[in-house]
């Protein structure tokens, strides 16, 4: 029983390490070789200010 638990623990640890290494490697090479359009995951937006109409002049009496 102890041998089975030890073997299961080692198997889970090795599988977890392999999965983490695979994900890390995939992200590294994807960011390195992917096109700029492919790197946009939808959270990044581009904002272009055409005209700044936020400042209004307050009419002062002279």
N, C-alpha and C. Protein backbone atom coordinates (compact mmCIF):
# COMPACT_ATOMS: atom_id res chain seq x y z
N UNK A 1 0.83 -1.19 0.00
CA UNK A 1 0.00 0.00 0.00
C UNK A 1 0.88 1.26 0.00
N UNK A 2 1.93 1.27 0.77
CA UNK A 2 2.81 2.43 0.80
C UNK A 2 3.52 2.59 -0.55
N UNK A 3 3.89 1.46 -1.14
CA UNK A 3 4.52 1.50 -2.45
C UNK A 3 3.60 2.05 -3.51
N UNK A 4 2.32 1.70 -3.44
CA UNK A 4 1.33 2.19 -4.39
C UNK A 4 1.14 3.70 -4.23
N UNK A 5 1.06 4.17 -2.97
CA UNK A 5 0.90 5.61 -2.72
C UNK A 5 2.13 6.38 -3.20
N UNK A 6 3.30 5.84 -2.94
CA UNK A 6 4.53 6.49 -3.38
C UNK A 6 4.60 6.55 -4.90
N UNK A 7 4.25 5.46 -5.56
CA UNK A 7 4.26 5.42 -7.02
C UNK A 7 3.23 6.40 -7.60
N UNK A 8 2.06 6.49 -6.98
CA UNK A 8 1.02 7.41 -7.45
C UNK A 8 1.48 8.86 -7.26
N UNK A 9 2.13 9.17 -6.15
CA UNK A 9 2.64 10.52 -5.90
C UNK A 9 3.71 10.90 -6.92
N UNK A 10 4.62 10.00 -7.20
CA UNK A 10 5.67 10.27 -8.18
C UNK A 10 5.07 10.44 -9.57
N UNK A 11 4.08 9.64 -9.91
CA UNK A 11 3.42 9.73 -11.22
C UNK A 11 2.70 11.06 -11.38
N UNK A 12 1.96 11.48 -10.36
CA UNK A 12 1.25 12.75 -10.41
C UNK A 12 2.23 13.91 -10.49
N UNK A 13 3.31 13.85 -9.74
CA UNK A 13 4.31 14.92 -9.76
C UNK A 13 4.97 15.00 -11.14
N UNK A 14 5.33 13.88 -11.72
CA UNK A 14 5.97 13.87 -13.04
C UNK A 14 5.01 14.37 -14.11
N UNK A 15 3.75 13.96 -14.04
CA UNK A 15 2.75 14.41 -15.01
C UNK A 15 2.51 15.91 -14.89
N UNK A 16 2.43 16.41 -13.67
CA UNK A 16 2.22 17.84 -13.46
C UNK A 16 3.41 18.65 -13.98
N UNK A 17 4.62 18.15 -13.73
CA UNK A 17 5.81 18.85 -14.21
C UNK A 17 5.84 18.85 -15.73
N UNK A 18 5.52 17.74 -16.36
CA UNK A 18 5.53 17.66 -17.82
C UNK A 18 4.48 18.58 -18.42
N UNK A 19 3.29 18.63 -17.83
CA UNK A 19 2.24 19.51 -18.35
C UNK A 19 2.64 20.98 -18.20
N UNK A 20 3.23 21.35 -17.07
CA UNK A 20 3.67 22.73 -16.88
C UNK A 20 4.79 23.11 -17.83
N UNK A 21 5.72 22.19 -18.05
CA UNK A 21 6.81 22.47 -19.00
C UNK A 21 6.29 22.62 -20.41
N UNK A 22 5.31 21.81 -20.77
CA UNK A 22 4.73 21.91 -22.12
C UNK A 22 4.02 23.24 -22.31
N UNK A 23 3.22 23.65 -21.34
CA UNK A 23 2.50 24.92 -21.44
C UNK A 23 3.48 26.09 -21.50
N UNK A 24 4.50 26.06 -20.65
CA UNK A 24 5.49 27.12 -20.64
C UNK A 24 6.25 27.20 -21.96
N UNK A 25 6.64 26.07 -22.49
CA UNK A 25 7.34 26.04 -23.77
C UNK A 25 6.46 26.53 -24.90
N UNK A 26 5.20 26.13 -24.89
CA UNK A 26 4.27 26.57 -25.93
C UNK A 26 4.10 28.08 -25.90
N UNK A 27 3.91 28.64 -24.70
CA UNK A 27 3.75 30.09 -24.59
C UNK A 27 5.01 30.81 -25.06
N UNK A 28 6.17 30.30 -24.70
CA UNK A 28 7.43 30.94 -25.08
C UNK A 28 7.58 30.97 -26.60
N UNK A 29 7.41 29.83 -27.24
CA UNK A 29 7.60 29.78 -28.69
C UNK A 29 6.46 30.44 -29.44
N UNK A 30 5.24 30.44 -28.87
CA UNK A 30 4.13 31.12 -29.52
C UNK A 30 4.38 32.62 -29.54
N UNK A 31 4.81 33.18 -28.42
CA UNK A 31 5.10 34.62 -28.38
C UNK A 31 6.30 34.97 -29.24
N UNK A 32 7.23 34.05 -29.40
CA UNK A 32 8.43 34.33 -30.17
C UNK A 32 8.17 34.29 -31.67
N UNK A 33 7.36 33.35 -32.13
CA UNK A 33 7.20 33.15 -33.57
C UNK A 33 5.84 33.54 -34.12
N UNK A 34 4.90 33.92 -33.30
CA UNK A 34 3.57 34.27 -33.79
C UNK A 34 3.58 35.66 -34.41
N UNK A 35 2.66 35.89 -35.32
CA UNK A 35 2.50 37.21 -35.91
C UNK A 35 1.88 38.15 -34.89
N UNK A 36 2.01 39.45 -35.14
CA UNK A 36 1.49 40.44 -34.19
C UNK A 36 -0.03 40.32 -34.07
N UNK A 37 -0.70 40.02 -35.18
CA UNK A 37 -2.16 39.90 -35.14
C UNK A 37 -2.60 38.71 -34.30
N UNK A 38 -1.79 37.65 -34.30
CA UNK A 38 -2.14 36.46 -33.54
C UNK A 38 -1.95 36.65 -32.05
N UNK A 39 -1.11 37.58 -31.65
CA UNK A 39 -0.84 37.79 -30.23
C UNK A 39 -1.97 38.54 -29.53
N UNK A 40 -2.85 39.19 -30.27
CA UNK A 40 -3.96 39.92 -29.67
C UNK A 40 -5.02 38.91 -29.23
N UNK A 41 -5.24 38.82 -27.94
CA UNK A 41 -6.22 37.86 -27.42
C UNK A 41 -7.58 38.50 -27.14
N UNK A 42 -7.80 39.71 -27.60
CA UNK A 42 -9.09 40.36 -27.43
C UNK A 42 -9.13 41.33 -26.28
N UNK A 43 -8.17 41.27 -25.39
CA UNK A 43 -8.18 42.19 -24.25
C UNK A 43 -7.49 43.49 -24.57
N UNK A 44 -6.66 43.50 -25.60
CA UNK A 44 -5.91 44.71 -25.95
C UNK A 44 -6.72 45.48 -27.00
N UNK A 45 -6.96 46.73 -26.74
CA UNK A 45 -7.66 47.55 -27.71
C UNK A 45 -6.79 48.73 -28.08
N UNK A 46 -6.98 49.21 -29.27
CA UNK A 46 -6.20 50.35 -29.75
C UNK A 46 -7.10 51.57 -29.71
N UNK A 47 -6.58 52.62 -29.12
CA UNK A 47 -7.34 53.86 -29.01
C UNK A 47 -6.60 54.93 -29.79
N UNK A 48 -7.33 55.59 -30.68
CA UNK A 48 -6.75 56.67 -31.46
C UNK A 48 -7.58 57.93 -31.21
N UNK A 49 -6.93 58.98 -30.72
CA UNK A 49 -7.63 60.23 -30.46
C UNK A 49 -7.54 61.07 -31.73
N UNK A 50 -8.70 61.39 -32.27
CA UNK A 50 -8.75 62.17 -33.50
C UNK A 50 -8.74 63.66 -33.17
N UNK A 51 -9.60 64.08 -32.29
CA UNK A 51 -9.66 65.49 -31.90
C UNK A 51 -9.94 65.55 -30.40
N UNK A 52 -9.27 66.46 -29.73
CA UNK A 52 -9.45 66.62 -28.29
C UNK A 52 -10.48 67.71 -28.06
N UNK A 53 -11.70 67.29 -27.75
CA UNK A 53 -12.77 68.25 -27.50
C UNK A 53 -13.16 68.26 -26.03
N UNK A 54 -12.31 67.76 -25.17
CA UNK A 54 -12.65 67.69 -23.76
C UNK A 54 -12.48 69.03 -23.06
N UNK A 55 -11.57 69.86 -23.55
CA UNK A 55 -11.33 71.16 -22.91
C UNK A 55 -12.26 72.20 -23.51
N UNK A 56 -13.06 72.77 -22.66
CA UNK A 56 -13.98 73.80 -23.10
C UNK A 56 -13.51 75.12 -22.50
N UNK A 57 -13.53 76.13 -23.29
CA UNK A 57 -13.14 77.44 -22.77
C UNK A 57 -14.33 78.03 -22.03
N UNK A 58 -14.04 78.55 -20.85
CA UNK A 58 -15.09 79.16 -20.05
C UNK A 58 -15.15 80.63 -20.42
N UNK A 59 -16.33 81.07 -20.71
CA UNK A 59 -16.48 82.48 -21.10
C UNK A 59 -16.26 83.37 -19.91
N UNK A 60 -15.25 84.21 -19.98
CA UNK A 60 -14.97 85.17 -18.91
C UNK A 60 -15.36 86.56 -19.39
N UNK A 61 -15.85 87.31 -18.46
CA UNK A 61 -16.18 88.70 -18.78
C UNK A 61 -14.92 89.52 -18.66
N UNK A 62 -14.66 90.31 -19.67
CA UNK A 62 -13.47 91.13 -19.58
C UNK A 62 -13.79 92.53 -19.18
